[in-house]
Amino acid sequence: MLIKSSTALRSDYTSVSNLAHETGDPIYITKNGEGDLVVMSTDAFDKREERLEQRARVLEAEARRLMSEESFTTDDVREMLKKKYAHA
């Protein structure tokens, strides 16, 4: 876990920014010794958001499966796609 003070962020933004880009990890910013903010590169944030969205989709699919909604195996889907694109 990377931790920097708000003073470090104010006085040396460039090094904090470089650290975030180099490591890809979030940097916890403290204010008066207490946690205040989390800073991360936009690339790391986008990747994190993508993983969270994927996880949410998997959980939603699992919930539907548990509620006995119709589901398909990979073989089922492969066969449906073959039929759909057979005439293309």
PDB file of N, CA and C in Angstrom:
ATOM      1  N   MET A   1       0.854  -1.178   0.000  1.00  0.00           N
ATOM      2  CA  MET A   1       0.000   0.000   0.000  1.00  0.00           C
ATOM      3  C   MET A   1       0.893   1.231   0.000  1.00  0.00           C
ATOM      4  N   LEU A   2       0.609   2.130  -0.927  1.00  0.00           N
ATOM      5  CA  LEU A   2       1.366   3.371  -1.029  1.00  0.00           C
ATOM      6  C   LEU A   2       0.625   4.474  -0.282  1.00  0.00           C
ATOM      7  N   ILE A   3       1.340   5.159   0.580  1.00  0.00           N
ATOM      8  CA  ILE A   3       0.732   6.219   1.381  1.00  0.00           C
ATOM      9  C   ILE A   3       1.587   7.475   1.256  1.00  0.00           C
ATOM     10  N   LYS A   4       0.937   8.580   0.987  1.00  0.00           N
ATOM     11  CA  LYS A   4       1.604   9.889   0.914  1.00  0.00           C
ATOM     12  C   LYS A   4       0.755  10.893   1.676  1.00  0.00           C
ATOM     13  N   SER A   5       1.402  11.917   2.168  1.00  0.00           N
ATOM     14  CA  SER A   5       0.664  12.969   2.876  1.00  0.00           C
ATOM     15  C   SER A   5       0.104  13.973   1.878  1.00  0.00           C
ATOM     16  N   SER A   6      -0.896  14.712   2.312  1.00  0.00           N
ATOM     17  CA  SER A   6      -1.455  15.749   1.439  1.00  0.00           C
ATOM     18  C   SER A   6      -0.399  16.813   1.148  1.00  0.00           C
ATOM     19  N   THR A   7       0.517  17.010   2.083  1.00  0.00           N
ATOM     20  CA  THR A   7       1.611  17.962   1.868  1.00  0.00           C
ATOM     21  C   THR A   7       2.482  17.503   0.702  1.00  0.00           C
ATOM     22  N   ALA A   8       2.775  16.207   0.646  1.00  0.00           N
ATOM     23  CA  ALA A   8       3.582  15.672  -0.455  1.00  0.00           C
ATOM     24  C   ALA A   8       2.850  15.863  -1.774  1.00  0.00           C
ATOM     25  N   LEU A   9       1.549  15.661  -1.767  1.00  0.00           N
ATOM     26  CA  LEU A   9       0.767  15.844  -2.983  1.00  0.00           C
ATOM     27  C   LEU A   9       0.810  17.303  -3.443  1.00  0.00           C
ATOM     28  N   ARG A  10       0.642  18.218  -2.511  1.00  0.00           N
ATOM     29  CA  ARG A  10       0.666  19.647  -2.852  1.00  0.00           C
ATOM     30  C   ARG A  10       2.045  20.109  -3.311  1.00  0.00           C
ATOM     31  N   SER A  11       3.079  19.686  -2.601  1.00  0.00           N
ATOM     32  CA  SER A  11       4.414  20.216  -2.881  1.00  0.00           C
ATOM     33  C   SER A  11       5.139  19.468  -3.998  1.00  0.00           C
ATOM     34  N   ASP A  12       4.778  18.219  -4.257  1.00  0.00           N
ATOM     35  CA  ASP A  12       5.492  17.453  -5.279  1.00  0.00           C
ATOM     36  C   ASP A  12       4.521  16.577  -6.052  1.00  0.00           C
ATOM     37  N   TYR A  13       3.560  17.226  -6.689  1.00  0.00           N
ATOM     38  CA  TYR A  13       2.537  16.520  -7.452  1.00  0.00           C
ATOM     39  C   TYR A  13       3.157  15.596  -8.498  1.00  0.00           C
ATOM     40  N   THR A  14       4.186  16.081  -9.181  1.00  0.00           N
ATOM     41  CA  THR A  14       4.788  15.320 -10.276  1.00  0.00           C
ATOM     42  C   THR A  14       5.301  13.964  -9.814  1.00  0.00           C
ATOM     43  N   SER A  15       5.962  13.902  -8.674  1.00  0.00           N
ATOM     44  CA  SER A  15       6.489  12.612  -8.213  1.00  0.00           C
ATOM     45  C   SER A  15       5.356  11.673  -7.792  1.00  0.00           C
ATOM     46  N   VAL A  16       4.285  12.212  -7.211  1.00  0.00           N
ATOM     47  CA  VAL A  16       3.135  11.385  -6.839  1.00  0.00           C
ATOM     48  C   VAL A  16       2.462  10.865  -8.107  1.00  0.00           C
ATOM     49  N   SER A  17       2.311  11.715  -9.106  1.00  0.00           N
ATOM     50  CA  SER A  17       1.730  11.308 -10.380  1.00  0.00           C
ATOM     51  C   SER A  17       2.584  10.229 -11.042  1.00  0.00           C
ATOM     52  N   ASN A  18       3.897  10.442 -11.085  1.00  0.00           N
ATOM     53  CA  ASN A  18       4.798   9.452 -11.678  1.00  0.00           C
ATOM     54  C   ASN A  18       4.708   8.114 -10.948  1.00  0.00           C
ATOM     55  N   LEU A  19       4.638   8.151  -9.630  1.00  0.00           N
ATOM     56  CA  LEU A  19       4.534   6.933  -8.830  1.00  0.00           C
ATOM     57  C   LEU A  19       3.247   6.178  -9.175  1.00  0.00           C
ATOM     58  N   ALA A  20       2.156   6.906  -9.310  1.00  0.00           N
ATOM     59  CA  ALA A  20       0.877   6.277  -9.651  1.00  0.00           C
ATOM     60  C   ALA A  20       0.945   5.613 -11.023  1.00  0.00           C
ATOM     61  N   HIS A  21       1.579   6.271 -11.976  1.00  0.00           N
ATOM     62  CA  HIS A  21       1.688   5.713 -13.326  1.00  0.00           C
ATOM     63  C   HIS A  21       2.658   4.537 -13.378  1.00  0.00           C
ATOM     64  N   GLU A  22       3.761   4.633 -12.657  1.00  0.00           N
ATOM     65  CA  GLU A  22       4.770   3.568 -12.677  1.00  0.00           C
ATOM     66  C   GLU A  22       4.270   2.291 -12.008  1.00  0.00           C
ATOM     67  N   THR A  23       3.592   2.434 -10.881  1.00  0.00           N
ATOM     68  CA  THR A  23       3.177   1.250 -10.123  1.00  0.00           C
ATOM     69  C   THR A  23       1.818   0.721 -10.548  1.00  0.00           C
ATOM     70  N   GLY A  24       0.945   1.609 -11.021  1.00  0.00           N
ATOM     71  CA  GLY A  24      -0.423   1.201 -11.347  1.00  0.00           C
ATOM     72  C   GLY A  24      -1.262   0.962 -10.107  1.00  0.00           C
ATOM     73  N   ASP A  25      -0.707   1.280  -8.946  1.00  0.00           N
ATOM     74  CA  ASP A  25      -1.406   1.076  -7.677  1.00  0.00           C
ATOM     75  C   ASP A  25      -2.043   2.371  -7.196  1.00  0.00           C
ATOM     76  N   PRO A  26      -3.101   2.261  -6.405  1.00  0.00           N
ATOM     77  CA  PRO A  26      -3.667   3.469  -5.798  1.00  0.00           C
ATOM     78  C   PRO A  26      -2.715   4.015  -4.740  1.00  0.00           C
ATOM     79  N   ILE A  27      -2.731   5.307  -4.578  1.00  0.00           N
ATOM     80  CA  ILE A  27      -1.919   5.969  -3.550  1.00  0.00           C
ATOM     81  C   ILE A  27      -2.875   6.603  -2.553  1.00  0.00           C
ATOM     82  N   TYR A  28      -2.740   6.223  -1.313  1.00  0.00           N
ATOM     83  CA  TYR A  28      -3.589   6.747  -0.246  1.00  0.00           C
ATOM     84  C   TYR A  28      -2.989   8.054   0.250  1.00  0.00           C
ATOM     85  N   ILE A  29      -3.804   9.085   0.255  1.00  0.00           N
ATOM     86  CA  ILE A  29      -3.378  10.410   0.695  1.00  0.00           C
ATOM     87  C   ILE A  29      -3.940  10.659   2.094  1.00  0.00           C
ATOM     88  N   THR A  30      -3.042  11.048   2.989  1.00  0.00           N
ATOM     89  CA  THR A  30      -3.467  11.325   4.362  1.00  0.00           C
ATOM     90  C   THR A  30      -3.520  12.828   4.616  1.00  0.00           C
ATOM     91  N   LYS A  31      -4.377  13.187   5.544  1.00  0.00           N
ATOM     92  CA  LYS A  31      -4.488  14.586   5.977  1.00  0.00           C
ATOM     93  C   LYS A  31      -4.501  14.554   7.500  1.00  0.00           C
ATOM     94  N   ASN A  32      -3.530  15.200   8.094  1.00  0.00           N
ATOM     95  CA  ASN A  32      -3.369  15.192   9.548  1.00  0.00           C
ATOM     96  C   ASN A  32      -3.281  13.761  10.091  1.00  0.00           C
ATOM     97  N   GLY A  33      -2.602  12.888   9.332  1.00  0.00           N
ATOM     98  CA  GLY A  33      -2.374  11.527   9.777  1.00  0.00           C
ATOM     99  C   GLY A  33      -3.534  10.567   9.563  1.00  0.00           C
ATOM    100  N   GLU A  34      -4.624  11.047   9.019  1.00  0.00           N
ATOM    101  CA  GLU A  34      -5.803  10.207   8.768  1.00  0.00           C
ATOM    102  C   GLU A  34      -6.021  10.062   7.268  1.00  0.00           C
ATOM    103  N   GLY A  35      -6.578   8.932   6.859  1.00  0.00           N
ATOM    104  CA  GLY A  35      -6.886   8.720   5.457  1.00  0.00           C
ATOM    105  C   GLY A  35      -7.861   9.770   4.953  1.00  0.00           C
ATOM    106  N   ASP A  36      -7.604  10.284   3.746  1.00  0.00           N
ATOM    107  CA  ASP A  36      -8.456  11.338   3.205  1.00  0.00           C
ATOM    108  C   ASP A  36      -8.873  11.055   1.763  1.00  0.00           C
ATOM    109  N   LEU A  37      -7.930  10.688   0.909  1.00  0.00           N
ATOM    110  CA  LEU A  37      -8.191  10.484  -0.510  1.00  0.00           C
ATOM    111  C   LEU A  37      -7.433   9.269  -1.030  1.00  0.00           C
ATOM    112  N   VAL A  38      -7.846   8.802  -2.190  1.00  0.00           N
ATOM    113  CA  VAL A  38      -7.086   7.795  -2.918  1.00  0.00           C
ATOM    114  C   VAL A  38      -6.867   8.342  -4.320  1.00  0.00           C
ATOM    115  N   VAL A  39      -5.631   8.292  -4.783  1.00  0.00           N
ATOM    116  CA  VAL A  39      -5.263   8.807  -6.096  1.00  0.00           C
ATOM    117  C   VAL A  39      -4.715   7.652  -6.923  1.00  0.00           C
ATOM    118  N   MET A  40      -5.127   7.587  -8.180  1.00  0.00           N
ATOM    119  CA  MET A  40      -4.601   6.559  -9.070  1.00  0.00           C
ATOM    120  C   MET A  40      -4.589   7.076 -10.494  1.00  0.00           C
ATOM    121  N   SER A  41      -3.792   6.436 -11.338  1.00  0.00           N
ATOM    122  CA  SER A  41      -3.742   6.850 -12.743  1.00  0.00           C
ATOM    123  C   SER A  41      -5.075   6.525 -13.411  1.00  0.00           C
ATOM    124  N   THR A  42      -5.373   7.229 -14.471  1.00  0.00           N
ATOM    125  CA  THR A  42      -6.629   6.964 -15.171  1.00  0.00           C
ATOM    126  C   THR A  42      -6.626   5.578 -15.803  1.00  0.00           C
ATOM    127  N   ASP A  43      -5.462   5.108 -16.262  1.00  0.00           N
ATOM    128  CA  ASP A  43      -5.385   3.755 -16.820  1.00  0.00           C
ATOM    129  C   ASP A  43      -5.726   2.717 -15.764  1.00  0.00           C
ATOM    130  N   ALA A  44      -5.154   2.864 -14.571  1.00  0.00           N
ATOM    131  CA  ALA A  44      -5.438   1.922 -13.481  1.00  0.00           C
ATOM    132  C   ALA A  44      -6.910   2.002 -13.079  1.00  0.00           C
ATOM    133  N   PHE A  45      -7.459   3.208 -13.065  1.00  0.00           N
ATOM    134  CA  PHE A  45      -8.870   3.376 -12.714  1.00  0.00           C
ATOM    135  C   PHE A  45      -9.767   2.697 -13.739  1.00  0.00           C
ATOM    136  N   ASP A  46      -9.473   2.913 -15.026  1.00  0.00           N
ATOM    137  CA  ASP A  46     -10.284   2.300 -16.085  1.00  0.00           C
ATOM    138  C   ASP A  46     -10.234   0.776 -16.003  1.00  0.00           C
ATOM    139  N   LYS A  47      -9.056   0.215 -15.782  1.00  0.00           N
ATOM    140  CA  LYS A  47      -8.926  -1.242 -15.648  1.00  0.00           C
ATOM    141  C   LYS A  47      -9.705  -1.750 -14.447  1.00  0.00           C
ATOM    142  N   ARG A  48      -9.634  -1.012 -13.352  1.00  0.00           N
ATOM    143  CA  ARG A  48     -10.367  -1.393 -12.132  1.00  0.00           C
ATOM    144  C   ARG A  48     -11.872  -1.382 -12.395  1.00  0.00           C
ATOM    145  N   GLU A  49     -12.349  -0.341 -13.039  1.00  0.00           N
ATOM    146  CA  GLU A  49     -13.774  -0.242 -13.347  1.00  0.00           C
ATOM    147  C   GLU A  49     -14.222  -1.378 -14.266  1.00  0.00           C
ATOM    148  N   GLU A  50     -13.383  -1.716 -15.241  1.00  0.00           N
ATOM    149  CA  GLU A  50     -13.712  -2.804 -16.155  1.00  0.00           C
ATOM    150  C   GLU A  50     -13.821  -4.130 -15.397  1.00  0.00           C
ATOM    151  N   ARG A  51     -12.885  -4.390 -14.498  1.00  0.00           N
ATOM    152  CA  ARG A  51     -12.939  -5.620 -13.693  1.00  0.00           C
ATOM    153  C   ARG A  51     -14.189  -5.648 -12.831  1.00  0.00           C
ATOM    154  N   LEU A  52     -14.544  -4.520 -12.232  1.00  0.00           N
ATOM    155  CA  LEU A  52     -15.739  -4.467 -11.390  1.00  0.00           C
ATOM    156  C   LEU A  52     -17.004  -4.702 -12.208  1.00  0.00           C
ATOM    157  N   GLU A  53     -17.063  -4.147 -13.411  1.00  0.00           N
ATOM    158  CA  GLU A  53     -18.222  -4.361 -14.285  1.00  0.00           C
ATOM    159  C   GLU A  53     -18.324  -5.828 -14.700  1.00  0.00           C
ATOM    160  N   GLN A  54     -17.190  -6.433 -15.031  1.00  0.00           N
ATOM    161  CA  GLN A  54     -17.193  -7.853 -15.400  1.00  0.00           C
ATOM    162  C   GLN A  54     -17.676  -8.703 -14.229  1.00  0.00           C
ATOM    163  N   ARG A  55     -17.180  -8.396 -13.050  1.00  0.00           N
ATOM    164  CA  ARG A  55     -17.586  -9.139 -11.857  1.00  0.00           C
ATOM    165  C   ARG A  55     -19.085  -8.984 -11.604  1.00  0.00           C
ATOM    166  N   ALA A  56     -19.603  -7.783 -11.805  1.00  0.00           N
ATOM    167  CA  ALA A  56     -21.036  -7.549 -11.613  1.00  0.00           C
ATOM    168  C   ALA A  56     -21.855  -8.344 -12.620  1.00  0.00           C
ATOM    169  N   ARG A  57     -21.382  -8.421 -13.868  1.00  0.00           N
ATOM    170  CA  ARG A  57     -22.104  -9.204 -14.878  1.00  0.00           C
ATOM    171  C   ARG A  57     -22.112 -10.687 -14.530  1.00  0.00           C
ATOM    172  N   VAL A  58     -20.988 -11.193 -14.033  1.00  0.00           N
ATOM    173  CA  VAL A  58     -20.920 -12.604 -13.634  1.00  0.00           C
ATOM    174  C   VAL A  58     -21.878 -12.866 -12.479  1.00  0.00           C
ATOM    175  N   LEU A  59     -21.887 -11.971 -11.501  1.00  0.00           N
ATOM    176  CA  LEU A  59     -22.793 -12.141 -10.358  1.00  0.00           C
ATOM    177  C   LEU A  59     -24.248 -12.075 -10.798  1.00  0.00           C
ATOM    178  N   GLU A  60     -24.560 -11.193 -11.732  1.00  0.00           N
ATOM    179  CA  GLU A  60     -25.934 -11.085 -12.243  1.00  0.00           C
ATOM    180  C   GLU A  60     -26.330 -12.368 -12.980  1.00  0.00           C
ATOM    181  N   ALA A  61     -25.422 -12.899 -13.794  1.00  0.00           N
ATOM    182  CA  ALA A  61     -25.707 -14.144 -14.508  1.00  0.00           C
ATOM    183  C   ALA A  61     -25.893 -15.301 -13.532  1.00  0.00           C
ATOM    184  N   GLU A  62     -25.071 -15.338 -12.505  1.00  0.00           N
ATOM    185  CA  GLU A  62     -25.202 -16.399 -11.500  1.00  0.00           C
ATOM    186  C   GLU A  62     -26.535 -16.287 -10.759  1.00  0.00           C
ATOM    187  N   ALA A  63     -26.953 -15.078 -10.460  1.00  0.00           N
ATOM    188  CA  ALA A  63     -28.247 -14.886  -9.786  1.00  0.00           C
ATOM    189  C   ALA A  63     -29.386 -15.368 -10.684  1.00  0.00           C
ATOM    190  N   ARG A  64     -29.300 -15.053 -11.984  1.00  0.00           N
ATOM    191  CA  ARG A  64     -30.333 -15.521 -12.918  1.00  0.00           C
ATOM    192  C   ARG A  64     -30.339 -17.042 -12.996  1.00  0.00           C
ATOM    193  N   ARG A  65     -29.142 -17.639 -13.012  1.00  0.00           N
ATOM    194  CA  ARG A  65     -29.053 -19.101 -13.068  1.00  0.00           C
ATOM    195  C   ARG A  65     -29.687 -19.723 -11.831  1.00  0.00           C
ATOM    196  N   LEU A  66     -29.424 -19.135 -10.680  1.00  0.00           N
ATOM    197  CA  LEU A  66     -29.986 -19.666  -9.440  1.00  0.00           C
ATOM    198  C   LEU A  66     -31.504 -19.512  -9.385  1.00  0.00           C
ATOM    199  N   MET A  67     -32.044 -18.530 -10.133  1.00  0.00           N
ATOM    200  CA  MET A  67     -33.490 -18.341 -10.176  1.00  0.00           C
ATOM    201  C   MET A  67     -34.109 -19.179 -11.288  1.00  0.00           C
ATOM    202  N   SER A  68     -33.332 -20.112 -11.813  1.00  0.00           N
ATOM    203  CA  SER A  68     -33.773 -21.071 -12.832  1.00  0.00           C
ATOM    204  C   SER A  68     -34.136 -20.438 -14.163  1.00  0.00           C
ATOM    205  N   GLU A  69     -33.530 -19.314 -14.491  1.00  0.00           N
ATOM    206  CA  GLU A  69     -33.741 -18.761 -15.828  1.00  0.00           C
ATOM    207  C   GLU A  69     -33.033 -19.659 -16.829  1.00  0.00           C
ATOM    208  N   GLU A  70     -33.494 -19.598 -18.060  1.00  0.00           N
ATOM    209  CA  GLU A  70     -32.899 -20.403 -19.112  1.00  0.00           C
ATOM    210  C   GLU A  70     -31.418 -20.049 -19.260  1.00  0.00           C
ATOM    211  N   SER A  71     -30.599 -21.064 -19.373  1.00  0.00           N
ATOM    212  CA  SER A  71     -29.170 -20.831 -19.568  1.00  0.00           C
ATOM    213  C   SER A  71     -28.677 -21.720 -20.697  1.00  0.00           C
ATOM    214  N   PHE A  72     -27.505 -21.419 -21.205  1.00  0.00           N
ATOM    215  CA  PHE A  72     -26.952 -22.126 -22.352  1.00  0.00           C
ATOM    216  C   PHE A  72     -25.527 -22.551 -22.058  1.00  0.00           C
ATOM    217  N   THR A  73     -25.167 -23.720 -22.521  1.00  0.00           N
ATOM    218  CA  THR A  73     -23.779 -24.163 -22.430  1.00  0.00           C
ATOM    219  C   THR A  73     -23.003 -23.548 -23.586  1.00  0.00           C
ATOM    220  N   THR A  74     -21.707 -23.640 -23.535  1.00  0.00           N
ATOM    221  CA  THR A  74     -20.906 -23.120 -24.650  1.00  0.00           C
ATOM    222  C   THR A  74     -21.210 -23.886 -25.930  1.00  0.00           C
ATOM    223  N   ASP A  75     -21.481 -25.179 -25.808  1.00  0.00           N
ATOM    224  CA  ASP A  75     -21.847 -25.958 -26.994  1.00  0.00           C
ATOM    225  C   ASP A  75     -23.170 -25.469 -27.581  1.00  0.00           C
ATOM    226  N   ASP A  76     -24.145 -25.140 -26.719  1.00  0.00           N
ATOM    227  CA  ASP A  76     -25.419 -24.594 -27.186  1.00  0.00           C
ATOM    228  C   ASP A  76     -25.198 -23.300 -27.972  1.00  0.00           C
ATOM    229  N   VAL A  77     -24.400 -22.415 -27.411  1.00  0.00           N
ATOM    230  CA  VAL A  77     -24.147 -21.114 -28.042  1.00  0.00           C
ATOM    231  C   VAL A  77     -23.405 -21.304 -29.351  1.00  0.00           C
ATOM    232  N   ARG A  78     -22.427 -22.184 -29.373  1.00  0.00           N
ATOM    233  CA  ARG A  78     -21.679 -22.458 -30.592  1.00  0.00           C
ATOM    234  C   ARG A  78     -22.616 -22.948 -31.698  1.00  0.00           C
ATOM    235  N   GLU A  79     -23.518 -23.838 -31.347  1.00  0.00           N
ATOM    236  CA  GLU A  79     -24.480 -24.374 -32.321  1.00  0.00           C
ATOM    237  C   GLU A  79     -25.433 -23.285 -32.812  1.00  0.00           C
ATOM    238  N   MET A  80     -25.905 -22.441 -31.911  1.00  0.00           N
ATOM    239  CA  MET A  80     -26.793 -21.336 -32.308  1.00  0.00           C
ATOM    240  C   MET A  80     -26.075 -20.397 -33.273  1.00  0.00           C
ATOM    241  N   LEU A  81     -24.804 -20.095 -32.996  1.00  0.00           N
ATOM    242  CA  LEU A  81     -24.041 -19.204 -33.872  1.00  0.00           C
ATOM    243  C   LEU A  81     -23.799 -19.839 -35.237  1.00  0.00           C
ATOM    244  N   LYS A  82     -23.512 -21.119 -35.254  1.00  0.00           N
ATOM    245  CA  LYS A  82     -23.332 -21.822 -36.538  1.00  0.00           C
ATOM    246  C   LYS A  82     -24.601 -21.714 -37.385  1.00  0.00           C
ATOM    247  N   LYS A  83     -25.754 -21.939 -36.752  1.00  0.00           N
ATOM    248  CA  LYS A  83     -27.023 -21.858 -37.480  1.00  0.00           C
ATOM    249  C   LYS A  83     -27.284 -20.435 -37.970  1.00  0.00           C
ATOM    250  N   LYS A  84     -27.011 -19.481 -37.122  1.00  0.00           N
ATOM    251  CA  LYS A  84     -27.288 -18.088 -37.466  1.00  0.00           C
ATOM    252  C   LYS A  84     -26.422 -17.616 -38.629  1.00  0.00           C
ATOM    253  N   TYR A  85     -25.161 -18.021 -38.655  1.00  0.00           N
ATOM    254  CA  TYR A  85     -24.246 -17.526 -39.667  1.00  0.00           C
ATOM    255  C   TYR A  85     -23.972 -18.538 -40.777  1.00  0.00           C
ATOM    256  N   ALA A  86     -24.759 -19.592 -40.856  1.00  0.00           N
ATOM    257  CA  ALA A  86     -24.571 -20.601 -41.900  1.00  0.00           C
ATOM    258  C   ALA A  86     -24.822 -20.034 -43.281  1.00  0.00           C
ATOM    259  N   HIS A  87     -25.710 -19.054 -43.369  1.00  0.00           N
ATOM    260  CA  HIS A  87     -26.070 -18.497 -44.662  1.00  0.00           C
ATOM    261  C   HIS A  87     -25.348 -17.199 -44.975  1.00  0.00           C
ATOM    262  N   ALA A  88     -24.424 -16.806 -44.130  1.00  0.00           N
ATOM    263  CA  ALA A  88     -23.731 -15.528 -44.339  1.00  0.00           C
ATOM    264  C   ALA A  88     -22.604 -15.630 -45.341  1.00  0.00           C
TER     265      ALA A  88
END
